[in-house]
Amino acid sequence: MATMLEILMIAVAISAIPAQGYMPITGFCSSDADCISAEGEDVSCCAQWNLGMPVRVCKPLREVGDVCRVNGAPFPLVGAGRQTTFCPCHQGLSCLRVQGQVLVGRCQGPGLLPAAH
């Protein structure tokens, strides 16, 4: 059963979502296995709702051009939930680091990756 603090945190987080550009939420979870069981493989992962909040939800895997975390946790992550708000890129995509950044990248498909020299 959810505690009053958890319910309050969820209510505050939901009320902070803007009407446009919102993040689709598909359900509460404790691991990627929960999301896979509810939605199928290669659809969503279990990630933090927002930084600093203990609430985890199923979020969509990242698409081409989406911001991603370079060298982030694999999918599916076995055991405890990931410690970031980002899901990894869909299978077949790579998180290519953005120039000048250390951990921030964008999901790219195989045909979009720079050629090796």
PDB file of N, CA and C in Angstrom:
ATOM      1  N   MET A   1       0.850  -1.178   0.000  1.00  0.00           N
ATOM      2  CA  MET A   1       0.000   0.000   0.000  1.00  0.00           C
ATOM      3  C   MET A   1       0.895   1.240   0.000  1.00  0.00           C
ATOM      4  N   ALA A   2       0.541   2.191  -0.798  1.00  0.00           N
ATOM      5  CA  ALA A   2       1.328   3.417  -0.907  1.00  0.00           C
ATOM      6  C   ALA A   2       1.166   4.268   0.350  1.00  0.00           C
ATOM      7  N   THR A   3       2.258   4.874   0.772  1.00  0.00           N
ATOM      8  CA  THR A   3       2.189   5.770   1.917  1.00  0.00           C
ATOM      9  C   THR A   3       1.631   7.114   1.465  1.00  0.00           C
ATOM     10  N   MET A   4       1.213   7.909   2.404  1.00  0.00           N
ATOM     11  CA  MET A   4       0.661   9.229   2.083  1.00  0.00           C
ATOM     12  C   MET A   4       1.711  10.090   1.381  1.00  0.00           C
ATOM     13  N   LEU A   5       2.981   9.991   1.805  1.00  0.00           N
ATOM     14  CA  LEU A   5       4.051  10.760   1.172  1.00  0.00           C
ATOM     15  C   LEU A   5       4.213  10.360  -0.294  1.00  0.00           C
ATOM     16  N   GLU A   6       4.189   9.045  -0.587  1.00  0.00           N
ATOM     17  CA  GLU A   6       4.302   8.586  -1.974  1.00  0.00           C
ATOM     18  C   GLU A   6       3.145   9.105  -2.818  1.00  0.00           C
ATOM     19  N   ILE A   7       1.947   9.058  -2.295  1.00  0.00           N
ATOM     20  CA  ILE A   7       0.771   9.547  -3.018  1.00  0.00           C
ATOM     21  C   ILE A   7       0.899  11.038  -3.283  1.00  0.00           C
ATOM     22  N   LEU A   8       1.345  11.784  -2.283  1.00  0.00           N
ATOM     23  CA  LEU A   8       1.520  13.225  -2.441  1.00  0.00           C
ATOM     24  C   LEU A   8       2.590  13.534  -3.486  1.00  0.00           C
ATOM     25  N   MET A   9       3.705  12.799  -3.451  1.00  0.00           N
ATOM     26  CA  MET A   9       4.775  13.009  -4.425  1.00  0.00           C
ATOM     27  C   MET A   9       4.284  12.748  -5.844  1.00  0.00           C
ATOM     28  N   ILE A  10       3.514  11.700  -6.015  1.00  0.00           N
ATOM     29  CA  ILE A  10       2.979  11.367  -7.339  1.00  0.00           C
ATOM     30  C   ILE A  10       2.020  12.445  -7.803  1.00  0.00           C
ATOM     31  N   ALA A  11       1.150  12.907  -6.925  1.00  0.00           N
ATOM     32  CA  ALA A  11       0.182  13.945  -7.287  1.00  0.00           C
ATOM     33  C   ALA A  11       0.888  15.234  -7.697  1.00  0.00           C
ATOM     34  N   VAL A  12       1.929  15.606  -6.968  1.00  0.00           N
ATOM     35  CA  VAL A  12       2.677  16.820  -7.303  1.00  0.00           C
ATOM     36  C   VAL A  12       3.372  16.648  -8.652  1.00  0.00           C
ATOM     37  N   ALA A  13       3.968  15.487  -8.870  1.00  0.00           N
ATOM     38  CA  ALA A  13       4.664  15.242 -10.136  1.00  0.00           C
ATOM     39  C   ALA A  13       3.700  15.275 -11.315  1.00  0.00           C
ATOM     40  N   ILE A  14       2.550  14.667 -11.169  1.00  0.00           N
ATOM     41  CA  ILE A  14       1.562  14.648 -12.252  1.00  0.00           C
ATOM     42  C   ILE A  14       1.057  16.048 -12.545  1.00  0.00           C
ATOM     43  N   SER A  15       0.832  16.833 -11.520  1.00  0.00           N
ATOM     44  CA  SER A  15       0.309  18.184 -11.737  1.00  0.00           C
ATOM     45  C   SER A  15       1.340  19.095 -12.406  1.00  0.00           C
ATOM     46  N   ALA A  16       2.614  18.718 -12.369  1.00  0.00           N
ATOM     47  CA  ALA A  16       3.660  19.553 -12.961  1.00  0.00           C
ATOM     48  C   ALA A  16       3.862  19.294 -14.450  1.00  0.00           C
ATOM     49  N   ILE A  17       3.179  18.298 -15.005  1.00  0.00           N
ATOM     50  CA  ILE A  17       3.338  17.974 -16.420  1.00  0.00           C
ATOM     51  C   ILE A  17       2.590  18.994 -17.263  1.00  0.00           C
ATOM     52  N   PRO A  18       3.271  19.632 -18.211  1.00  0.00           N
ATOM     53  CA  PRO A  18       2.583  20.589 -19.081  1.00  0.00           C
ATOM     54  C   PRO A  18       1.640  19.873 -20.039  1.00  0.00           C
ATOM     55  N   ALA A  19       0.646  20.589 -20.538  1.00  0.00           N
ATOM     56  CA  ALA A  19      -0.352  20.000 -21.423  1.00  0.00           C
ATOM     57  C   ALA A  19       0.264  19.520 -22.732  1.00  0.00           C
ATOM     58  N   GLN A  20       1.248  20.220 -23.253  1.00  0.00           N
ATOM     59  CA  GLN A  20       1.900  19.804 -24.485  1.00  0.00           C
ATOM     60  C   GLN A  20       3.315  19.357 -24.166  1.00  0.00           C
ATOM     61  N   GLY A  21       3.820  18.423 -24.951  1.00  0.00           N
ATOM     62  CA  GLY A  21       5.180  17.945 -24.757  1.00  0.00           C
ATOM     63  C   GLY A  21       5.326  17.080 -23.521  1.00  0.00           C
ATOM     64  N   TYR A  22       4.237  16.463 -23.093  1.00  0.00           N
ATOM     65  CA  TYR A  22       4.296  15.642 -21.889  1.00  0.00           C
ATOM     66  C   TYR A  22       5.005  14.322 -22.162  1.00  0.00           C
ATOM     67  N   MET A  23       5.431  13.670 -21.107  1.00  0.00           N
ATOM     68  CA  MET A  23       6.090  12.392 -21.205  1.00  0.00           C
ATOM     69  C   MET A  23       5.050  11.300 -20.981  1.00  0.00           C
ATOM     70  N   PRO A  24       4.860  10.385 -21.939  1.00  0.00           N
ATOM     71  CA  PRO A  24       3.872   9.337 -21.734  1.00  0.00           C
ATOM     72  C   PRO A  24       4.308   8.390 -20.619  1.00  0.00           C
ATOM     73  N   ILE A  25       3.428   8.119 -19.716  1.00  0.00           N
ATOM     74  CA  ILE A  25       3.689   7.222 -18.596  1.00  0.00           C
ATOM     75  C   ILE A  25       2.802   5.998 -18.774  1.00  0.00           C
ATOM     76  N   THR A  26       3.385   4.825 -18.620  1.00  0.00           N
ATOM     77  CA  THR A  26       2.608   3.620 -18.868  1.00  0.00           C
ATOM     78  C   THR A  26       2.352   2.784 -17.625  1.00  0.00           C
ATOM     79  N   GLY A  27       2.932   3.110 -16.500  1.00  0.00           N
ATOM     80  CA  GLY A  27       2.670   2.359 -15.285  1.00  0.00           C
ATOM     81  C   GLY A  27       3.849   2.378 -14.334  1.00  0.00           C
ATOM     82  N   PHE A  28       3.558   2.133 -13.069  1.00  0.00           N
ATOM     83  CA  PHE A  28       4.602   2.074 -12.058  1.00  0.00           C
ATOM     84  C   PHE A  28       5.322   0.738 -12.167  1.00  0.00           C
ATOM     85  N   CYS A  29       6.598   0.717 -11.797  1.00  0.00           N
ATOM     86  CA  CYS A  29       7.394  -0.496 -11.940  1.00  0.00           C
ATOM     87  C   CYS A  29       8.515  -0.510 -10.907  1.00  0.00           C
ATOM     88  N   SER A  30       9.136  -1.673 -10.772  1.00  0.00           N
ATOM     89  CA  SER A  30      10.326  -1.770  -9.930  1.00  0.00           C
ATOM     90  C   SER A  30      11.510  -2.299 -10.732  1.00  0.00           C
ATOM     91  N   SER A  31      11.251  -2.814 -11.946  1.00  0.00           N
ATOM     92  CA  SER A  31      12.326  -3.310 -12.804  1.00  0.00           C
ATOM     93  C   SER A  31      11.863  -3.327 -14.256  1.00  0.00           C
ATOM     94  N   ASP A  32      12.819  -3.481 -15.176  1.00  0.00           N
ATOM     95  CA  ASP A  32      12.476  -3.591 -16.592  1.00  0.00           C
ATOM     96  C   ASP A  32      11.542  -4.773 -16.836  1.00  0.00           C
ATOM     97  N   ALA A  33      11.700  -5.832 -16.041  1.00  0.00           N
ATOM     98  CA  ALA A  33      10.848  -7.014 -16.203  1.00  0.00           C
ATOM     99  C   ALA A  33       9.373  -6.656 -16.038  1.00  0.00           C
ATOM    100  N   ASP A  34       9.053  -5.728 -15.140  1.00  0.00           N
ATOM    101  CA  ASP A  34       7.657  -5.296 -14.966  1.00  0.00           C
ATOM    102  C   ASP A  34       7.122  -4.674 -16.250  1.00  0.00           C
ATOM    103  N   CYS A  35       7.919  -3.839 -16.889  1.00  0.00           N
ATOM    104  CA  CYS A  35       7.493  -3.155 -18.118  1.00  0.00           C
ATOM    105  C   CYS A  35       7.389  -4.141 -19.276  1.00  0.00           C
ATOM    106  N   ILE A  36       8.344  -5.072 -19.369  1.00  0.00           N
ATOM    107  CA  ILE A  36       8.322  -6.078 -20.428  1.00  0.00           C
ATOM    108  C   ILE A  36       7.091  -6.954 -20.278  1.00  0.00           C
ATOM    109  N   SER A  37       6.787  -7.344 -19.041  1.00  0.00           N
ATOM    110  CA  SER A  37       5.624  -8.187 -18.780  1.00  0.00           C
ATOM    111  C   SER A  37       4.325  -7.468 -19.133  1.00  0.00           C
ATOM    112  N   ALA A  38       4.265  -6.162 -18.917  1.00  0.00           N
ATOM    113  CA  ALA A  38       3.039  -5.395 -19.176  1.00  0.00           C
ATOM    114  C   ALA A  38       2.895  -4.998 -20.641  1.00  0.00           C
ATOM    115  N   GLU A  39       4.016  -4.745 -21.334  1.00  0.00           N
ATOM    116  CA  GLU A  39       3.934  -4.153 -22.674  1.00  0.00           C
ATOM    117  C   GLU A  39       4.640  -4.930 -23.767  1.00  0.00           C
ATOM    118  N   GLY A  40       5.437  -5.908 -23.409  1.00  0.00           N
ATOM    119  CA  GLY A  40       6.182  -6.654 -24.414  1.00  0.00           C
ATOM    120  C   GLY A  40       7.623  -6.183 -24.491  1.00  0.00           C
ATOM    121  N   GLU A  41       8.421  -6.954 -25.235  1.00  0.00           N
ATOM    122  CA  GLU A  41       9.853  -6.661 -25.373  1.00  0.00           C
ATOM    123  C   GLU A  41      10.088  -5.411 -26.210  1.00  0.00           C
ATOM    124  N   ASP A  42      11.167  -4.719 -25.966  1.00  0.00           N
ATOM    125  CA  ASP A  42      11.637  -3.582 -26.757  1.00  0.00           C
ATOM    126  C   ASP A  42      10.596  -2.473 -26.899  1.00  0.00           C
ATOM    127  N   VAL A  43       9.864  -2.197 -25.809  1.00  0.00           N
ATOM    128  CA  VAL A  43       8.854  -1.136 -25.825  1.00  0.00           C
ATOM    129  C   VAL A  43       9.204  -0.063 -24.798  1.00  0.00           C
ATOM    130  N   SER A  44       9.439  -0.487 -23.556  1.00  0.00           N
ATOM    131  CA  SER A  44       9.701   0.484 -22.496  1.00  0.00           C
ATOM    132  C   SER A  44      10.629  -0.104 -21.444  1.00  0.00           C
ATOM    133  N   CYS A  45      11.202   0.783 -20.627  1.00  0.00           N
ATOM    134  CA  CYS A  45      12.066   0.371 -19.529  1.00  0.00           C
ATOM    135  C   CYS A  45      11.548   1.004 -18.242  1.00  0.00           C
ATOM    136  N   CYS A  46      12.067   0.543 -17.122  1.00  0.00           N
ATOM    137  CA  CYS A  46      11.695   1.083 -15.819  1.00  0.00           C
ATOM    138  C   CYS A  46      12.750   2.123 -15.428  1.00  0.00           C
ATOM    139  N   ALA A  47      12.334   3.387 -15.345  1.00  0.00           N
ATOM    140  CA  ALA A  47      13.268   4.478 -15.043  1.00  0.00           C
ATOM    141  C   ALA A  47      12.645   5.420 -14.021  1.00  0.00           C
ATOM    142  N   GLN A  48      13.467   6.252 -13.418  1.00  0.00           N
ATOM    143  CA  GLN A  48      12.965   7.224 -12.444  1.00  0.00           C
ATOM    144  C   GLN A  48      11.988   8.179 -13.116  1.00  0.00           C
ATOM    145  N   TRP A  49      10.909   8.496 -12.400  1.00  0.00           N
ATOM    146  CA  TRP A  49       9.930   9.461 -12.895  1.00  0.00           C
ATOM    147  C   TRP A  49      10.610  10.800 -13.144  1.00  0.00           C
ATOM    148  N   ASN A  50      11.370  11.246 -12.152  1.00  0.00           N
ATOM    149  CA  ASN A  50      12.073  12.515 -12.221  1.00  0.00           C
ATOM    150  C   ASN A  50      13.312  12.390 -11.341  1.00  0.00           C
ATOM    151  N   LEU A  51      14.344  13.154 -11.615  1.00  0.00           N
ATOM    152  CA  LEU A  51      15.560  13.078 -10.806  1.00  0.00           C
ATOM    153  C   LEU A  51      15.253  13.335  -9.338  1.00  0.00           C
ATOM    154  N   GLY A  52      15.826  12.529  -8.480  1.00  0.00           N
ATOM    155  CA  GLY A  52      15.660  12.717  -7.049  1.00  0.00           C
ATOM    156  C   GLY A  52      14.376  12.141  -6.484  1.00  0.00           C
ATOM    157  N   MET A  53      13.521  11.580  -7.341  1.00  0.00           N
ATOM    158  CA  MET A  53      12.271  10.987  -6.849  1.00  0.00           C
ATOM    159  C   MET A  53      12.401   9.469  -6.876  1.00  0.00           C
ATOM    160  N   PRO A  54      11.978   8.788  -5.821  1.00  0.00           N
ATOM    161  CA  PRO A  54      12.110   7.340  -5.769  1.00  0.00           C
ATOM    162  C   PRO A  54      11.087   6.601  -6.634  1.00  0.00           C
ATOM    163  N   VAL A  55      10.139   7.313  -7.210  1.00  0.00           N
ATOM    164  CA  VAL A  55       9.089   6.679  -8.010  1.00  0.00           C
ATOM    165  C   VAL A  55       9.662   6.274  -9.367  1.00  0.00           C
ATOM    166  N   ARG A  56       9.419   5.010  -9.757  1.00  0.00           N
ATOM    167  CA  ARG A  56       9.856   4.508 -11.057  1.00  0.00           C
ATOM    168  C   ARG A  56       8.634   4.170 -11.901  1.00  0.00           C
ATOM    169  N   VAL A  57       8.724   4.480 -13.195  1.00  0.00           N
ATOM    170  CA  VAL A  57       7.618   4.233 -14.121  1.00  0.00           C
ATOM    171  C   VAL A  57       8.162   3.634 -15.416  1.00  0.00           C
ATOM    172  N   CYS A  58       7.277   2.980 -16.161  1.00  0.00           N
ATOM    173  CA  CYS A  58       7.643   2.472 -17.482  1.00  0.00           C
ATOM    174  C   CYS A  58       7.654   3.646 -18.447  1.00  0.00           C
ATOM    175  N   LYS A  59       8.790   3.866 -19.081  1.00  0.00           N
ATOM    176  CA  LYS A  59       8.943   4.947 -20.063  1.00  0.00           C
ATOM    177  C   LYS A  59       9.353   4.326 -21.395  1.00  0.00           C
ATOM    178  N   PRO A  60       8.991   4.978 -22.499  1.00  0.00           N
ATOM    179  CA  PRO A  60       9.346   4.428 -23.814  1.00  0.00           C
ATOM    180  C   PRO A  60      10.859   4.405 -24.030  1.00  0.00           C
ATOM    181  N   LEU A  61      11.317   3.362 -24.737  1.00  0.00           N
ATOM    182  CA  LEU A  61      12.713   3.343 -25.158  1.00  0.00           C
ATOM    183  C   LEU A  61      12.932   4.499 -26.122  1.00  0.00           C
ATOM    184  N   ARG A  62      14.151   4.993 -26.184  1.00  0.00           N
ATOM    185  CA  ARG A  62      14.467   6.183 -26.973  1.00  0.00           C
ATOM    186  C   ARG A  62      14.484   5.859 -28.472  1.00  0.00           C
ATOM    187  N   GLU A  63      14.057   6.846 -29.268  1.00  0.00           N
ATOM    188  CA  GLU A  63      13.990   6.722 -30.729  1.00  0.00           C
ATOM    189  C   GLU A  63      15.148   7.487 -31.376  1.00  0.00           C
ATOM    190  N   VAL A  64      15.305   7.346 -32.690  1.00  0.00           N
ATOM    191  CA  VAL A  64      16.337   8.072 -33.435  1.00  0.00           C
ATOM    192  C   VAL A  64      16.204   9.571 -33.172  1.00  0.00           C
ATOM    193  N   GLY A  65      17.315  10.197 -32.796  1.00  0.00           N
ATOM    194  CA  GLY A  65      17.335  11.635 -32.537  1.00  0.00           C
ATOM    195  C   GLY A  65      17.048  12.023 -31.099  1.00  0.00           C
ATOM    196  N   ASP A  66      16.527  11.081 -30.295  1.00  0.00           N
ATOM    197  CA  ASP A  66      16.238  11.381 -28.888  1.00  0.00           C
ATOM    198  C   ASP A  66      17.536  11.509 -28.089  1.00  0.00           C
ATOM    199  N   VAL A  67      17.495  12.327 -27.049  1.00  0.00           N
ATOM    200  CA  VAL A  67      18.623  12.449 -26.127  1.00  0.00           C
ATOM    201  C   VAL A  67      18.748  11.135 -25.358  1.00  0.00           C
ATOM    202  N   CYS A  68      19.973  10.698 -25.136  1.00  0.00           N
ATOM    203  CA  CYS A  68      20.216   9.451 -24.409  1.00  0.00           C
ATOM    204  C   CYS A  68      21.449   9.616 -23.521  1.00  0.00           C
ATOM    205  N   ARG A  69      21.687   8.628 -22.689  1.00  0.00           N
ATOM    206  CA  ARG A  69      22.848   8.641 -21.787  1.00  0.00           C
ATOM    207  C   ARG A  69      23.914   7.715 -22.368  1.00  0.00           C
ATOM    208  N   VAL A  70      25.079   8.276 -22.672  1.00  0.00           N
ATOM    209  CA  VAL A  70      26.185   7.496 -23.225  1.00  0.00           C
ATOM    210  C   VAL A  70      26.637   6.478 -22.181  1.00  0.00           C
ATOM    211  N   ASN A  71      26.873   5.255 -22.609  1.00  0.00           N
ATOM    212  CA  ASN A  71      27.296   4.159 -21.724  1.00  0.00           C
ATOM    213  C   ASN A  71      26.321   3.950 -20.573  1.00  0.00           C
ATOM    214  N   GLY A  72      25.036   4.141 -20.830  1.00  0.00           N
ATOM    215  CA  GLY A  72      24.009   3.924 -19.811  1.00  0.00           C
ATOM    216  C   GLY A  72      23.808   2.443 -19.535  1.00  0.00           C
ATOM    217  N   ALA A  73      22.969   2.154 -18.572  1.00  0.00           N
ATOM    218  CA  ALA A  73      22.674   0.772 -18.199  1.00  0.00           C
ATOM    219  C   ALA A  73      22.059   0.032 -19.385  1.00  0.00           C
ATOM    220  N   PRO A  74      22.364  -1.260 -19.528  1.00  0.00           N
ATOM    221  CA  PRO A  74      21.831  -2.037 -20.647  1.00  0.00           C
ATOM    222  C   PRO A  74      20.329  -2.270 -20.516  1.00  0.00           C
ATOM    223  N   PHE A  75      19.724  -2.756 -21.582  1.00  0.00           N
ATOM    224  CA  PHE A  75      18.310  -3.128 -21.563  1.00  0.00           C
ATOM    225  C   PHE A  75      18.195  -4.554 -22.055  1.00  0.00           C
ATOM    226  N   PRO A  76      17.449  -5.412 -21.363  1.00  0.00           N
ATOM    227  CA  PRO A  76      16.844  -5.113 -20.064  1.00  0.00           C
ATOM    228  C   PRO A  76      17.883  -5.164 -18.954  1.00  0.00           C
ATOM    229  N   LEU A  77      17.664  -4.344 -17.955  1.00  0.00           N
ATOM    230  CA  LEU A  77      18.527  -4.293 -16.784  1.00  0.00           C
ATOM    231  C   LEU A  77      18.005  -5.321 -15.792  1.00  0.00           C
ATOM    232  N   VAL A  78      18.859  -6.256 -15.409  1.00  0.00           N
ATOM    233  CA  VAL A  78      18.454  -7.307 -14.478  1.00  0.00           C
ATOM    234  C   VAL A  78      18.622  -6.789 -13.058  1.00  0.00           C
ATOM    235  N   GLY A  79      17.610  -6.997 -12.231  1.00  0.00           N
ATOM    236  CA  GLY A  79      17.683  -6.572 -10.837  1.00  0.00           C
ATOM    237  C   GLY A  79      17.063  -5.216 -10.618  1.00  0.00           C
ATOM    238  N   ALA A  80      17.721  -4.397  -9.810  1.00  0.00           N
ATOM    239  CA  ALA A  80      17.187  -3.089  -9.404  1.00  0.00           C
ATOM    240  C   ALA A  80      16.966  -2.172 -10.598  1.00  0.00           C
ATOM    241  N   GLY A  81      16.079  -1.203 -10.425  1.00  0.00           N
ATOM    242  CA  GLY A  81      15.783  -0.241 -11.487  1.00  0.00           C
ATOM    243  C   GLY A  81      16.962   0.670 -11.779  1.00  0.00           C
ATOM    244  N   ARG A  82      16.955   1.230 -12.974  1.00  0.00           N
ATOM    245  CA  ARG A  82      18.045   2.132 -13.372  1.00  0.00           C
ATOM    246  C   ARG A  82      17.995   3.414 -12.553  1.00  0.00           C
ATOM    247  N   GLN A  83      19.125   4.075 -12.436  1.00  0.00           N
ATOM    248  CA  GLN A  83      19.272   5.259 -11.590  1.00  0.00           C
ATOM    249  C   GLN A  83      19.175   6.559 -12.384  1.00  0.00           C
ATOM    250  N   THR A  84      18.600   6.511 -13.581  1.00  0.00           N
ATOM    251  CA  THR A  84      18.453   7.709 -14.404  1.00  0.00           C
ATOM    252  C   THR A  84      16.998   7.864 -14.833  1.00  0.00           C
ATOM    253  N   THR A  85      16.694   8.993 -15.431  1.00  0.00           N
ATOM    254  CA  THR A  85      15.338   9.227 -15.936  1.00  0.00           C
ATOM    255  C   THR A  85      15.213   8.798 -17.390  1.00  0.00           C
ATOM    256  N   PHE A  86      16.331   8.436 -18.035  1.00  0.00           N
ATOM    257  CA  PHE A  86      16.319   8.039 -19.445  1.00  0.00           C
ATOM    258  C   PHE A  86      16.281   6.535 -19.613  1.00  0.00           C
ATOM    259  N   CYS A  87      15.503   6.082 -20.574  1.00  0.00           N
ATOM    260  CA  CYS A  87      15.613   4.703 -21.038  1.00  0.00           C
ATOM    261  C   CYS A  87      16.702   4.672 -22.098  1.00  0.00           C
ATOM    262  N   PRO A  88      17.255   3.490 -22.365  1.00  0.00           N
ATOM    263  CA  PRO A  88      18.237   3.402 -23.445  1.00  0.00           C
ATOM    264  C   PRO A  88      17.553   3.494 -24.812  1.00  0.00           C
ATOM    265  N   CYS A  89      18.351   3.562 -25.855  1.00  0.00           N
ATOM    266  CA  CYS A  89      17.834   3.586 -27.225  1.00  0.00           C
ATOM    267  C   CYS A  89      17.229   2.218 -27.569  1.00  0.00           C
ATOM    268  N   HIS A  90      16.274   2.220 -28.497  1.00  0.00           N
ATOM    269  CA  HIS A  90      15.701   0.970 -29.001  1.00  0.00           C
ATOM    270  C   HIS A  90      16.811   0.059 -29.500  1.00  0.00           C
ATOM    271  N   GLN A  91      16.516  -1.242 -29.527  1.00  0.00           N
ATOM    272  CA  GLN A  91      17.458  -2.225 -30.042  1.00  0.00           C
ATOM    273  C   GLN A  91      17.831  -1.851 -31.483  1.00  0.00           C
ATOM    274  N   GLY A  92      19.103  -1.943 -31.804  1.00  0.00           N
ATOM    275  CA  GLY A  92      19.573  -1.600 -33.138  1.00  0.00           C
ATOM    276  C   GLY A  92      20.044  -0.160 -33.258  1.00  0.00           C
ATOM    277  N   LEU A  93      19.738   0.666 -32.257  1.00  0.00           N
ATOM    278  CA  LEU A  93      20.202   2.054 -32.249  1.00  0.00           C
ATOM    279  C   LEU A  93      21.364   2.180 -31.271  1.00  0.00           C
ATOM    280  N   SER A  94      22.195   3.176 -31.472  1.00  0.00           N
ATOM    281  CA  SER A  94      23.322   3.439 -30.575  1.00  0.00           C
ATOM    282  C   SER A  94      23.217   4.851 -30.030  1.00  0.00           C
ATOM    283  N   CYS A  95      23.726   5.042 -28.820  1.00  0.00           N
ATOM    284  CA  CYS A  95      23.759   6.372 -28.220  1.00  0.00           C
ATOM    285  C   CYS A  95      25.107   6.995 -28.561  1.00  0.00           C
ATOM    286  N   LEU A  96      25.093   7.901 -29.527  1.00  0.00           N
ATOM    287  CA  LEU A  96      26.314   8.549 -29.994  1.00  0.00           C
ATOM    288  C   LEU A  96      26.505   9.852 -29.236  1.00  0.00           C
ATOM    289  N   ARG A  97      27.660  10.000 -28.594  1.00  0.00           N
ATOM    290  CA  ARG A  97      27.937  11.173 -27.760  1.00  0.00           C
ATOM    291  C   ARG A  97      27.836  12.467 -28.564  1.00  0.00           C
ATOM    292  N   VAL A  98      27.212  13.469 -27.952  1.00  0.00           N
ATOM    293  CA  VAL A  98      27.115  14.802 -28.546  1.00  0.00           C
ATOM    294  C   VAL A  98      28.448  15.504 -28.326  1.00  0.00           C
ATOM    295  N   GLN A  99      28.957  16.167 -29.356  1.00  0.00           N
ATOM    296  CA  GLN A  99      30.253  16.846 -29.265  1.00  0.00           C
ATOM    297  C   GLN A  99      30.262  17.825 -28.089  1.00  0.00           C
ATOM    298  N   GLY A 100      31.318  17.757 -27.288  1.00  0.00           N
ATOM    299  CA  GLY A 100      31.465  18.647 -26.139  1.00  0.00           C
ATOM    300  C   GLY A 100      30.796  18.128 -24.877  1.00  0.00           C
ATOM    301  N   GLN A 101      30.132  16.982 -24.951  1.00  0.00           N
ATOM    302  CA  GLN A 101      29.451  16.398 -23.794  1.00  0.00           C
ATOM    303  C   GLN A 101      30.149  15.105 -23.391  1.00  0.00           C
ATOM    304  N   VAL A 102      29.993  14.720 -22.130  1.00  0.00           N
ATOM    305  CA  VAL A 102      30.599  13.484 -21.654  1.00  0.00           C
ATOM    306  C   VAL A 102      29.573  12.359 -21.627  1.00  0.00           C
ATOM    307  N   LEU A 103      28.416  12.599 -21.036  1.00  0.00           N
ATOM    308  CA  LEU A 103      27.407  11.557 -20.870  1.00  0.00           C
ATOM    309  C   LEU A 103      26.176  11.730 -21.748  1.00  0.00           C
ATOM    310  N   VAL A 104      26.037  12.862 -22.415  1.00  0.00           N
ATOM    311  CA  VAL A 104      24.841  13.137 -23.205  1.00  0.00           C
ATOM    312  C   VAL A 104      25.082  12.760 -24.657  1.00  0.00           C
ATOM    313  N   GLY A 105      24.126  12.028 -25.220  1.00  0.00           N
ATOM    314  CA  GLY A 105      24.220  11.630 -26.618  1.00  0.00           C
ATOM    315  C   GLY A 105      22.861  11.699 -27.286  1.00  0.00           C
ATOM    316  N   ARG A 106      22.809  11.223 -28.519  1.00  0.00           N
ATOM    317  CA  ARG A 106      21.557  11.116 -29.275  1.00  0.00           C
ATOM    318  C   ARG A 106      21.507   9.726 -29.886  1.00  0.00           C
ATOM    319  N   CYS A 107      20.313   9.138 -29.889  1.00  0.00           N
ATOM    320  CA  CYS A 107      20.132   7.813 -30.482  1.00  0.00           C
ATOM    321  C   CYS A 107      20.287   7.909 -31.994  1.00  0.00           C
ATOM    322  N   GLN A 108      21.117   7.027 -32.548  1.00  0.00           N
ATOM    323  CA  GLN A 108      21.383   7.005 -33.986  1.00  0.00           C
ATOM    324  C   GLN A 108      21.248   5.583 -34.513  1.00  0.00           C
ATOM    325  N   GLY A 109      20.763   5.471 -35.735  1.00  0.00           N
ATOM    326  CA  GLY A 109      20.670   4.178 -36.400  1.00  0.00           C
ATOM    327  C   GLY A 109      21.990   3.820 -37.056  1.00  0.00           C
ATOM    328  N   PRO A 110      22.158   2.553 -37.460  1.00  0.00           N
ATOM    329  CA  PRO A 110      23.422   2.107 -38.050  1.00  0.00           C
ATOM    330  C   PRO A 110      23.835   2.916 -39.277  1.00  0.00           C
ATOM    331  N   GLY A 111      22.894   3.332 -40.118  1.00  0.00           N
ATOM    332  CA  GLY A 111      23.223   4.090 -41.313  1.00  0.00           C
ATOM    333  C   GLY A 111      23.597   5.528 -41.023  1.00  0.00           C
ATOM    334  N   LEU A 112      23.373   5.983 -39.780  1.00  0.00           N
ATOM    335  CA  LEU A 112      23.628   7.381 -39.432  1.00  0.00           C
ATOM    336  C   LEU A 112      24.910   7.574 -38.633  1.00  0.00           C
ATOM    337  N   LEU A 113      25.568   6.469 -38.284  1.00  0.00           N
ATOM    338  CA  LEU A 113      26.791   6.569 -37.487  1.00  0.00           C
ATOM    339  C   LEU A 113      27.942   7.053 -38.360  1.00  0.00           C
ATOM    340  N   PRO A 114      28.872   7.830 -37.802  1.00  0.00           N
ATOM    341  CA  PRO A 114      30.006   8.305 -38.595  1.00  0.00           C
ATOM    342  C   PRO A 114      30.885   7.141 -39.038  1.00  0.00           C
ATOM    343  N   ALA A 115      31.465   7.255 -40.207  1.00  0.00           N
ATOM    344  CA  ALA A 115      32.335   6.202 -40.737  1.00  0.00           C
ATOM    345  C   ALA A 115      33.639   6.161 -39.949  1.00  0.00           C
ATOM    346  N   ALA A 116      34.144   4.960 -39.718  1.00  0.00           N
ATOM    347  CA  ALA A 116      35.423   4.799 -39.012  1.00  0.00           C
ATOM    348  C   ALA A 116      36.561   5.075 -39.986  1.00  0.00           C
ATOM    349  N   HIS A 117      37.586   5.741 -39.522  1.00  0.00           N
ATOM    350  CA  HIS A 117      38.747   6.057 -40.373  1.00  0.00           C
ATOM    351  C   HIS A 117      39.933   5.263 -39.928  1.00  0.00           C
TER     352      HIS A 117
END
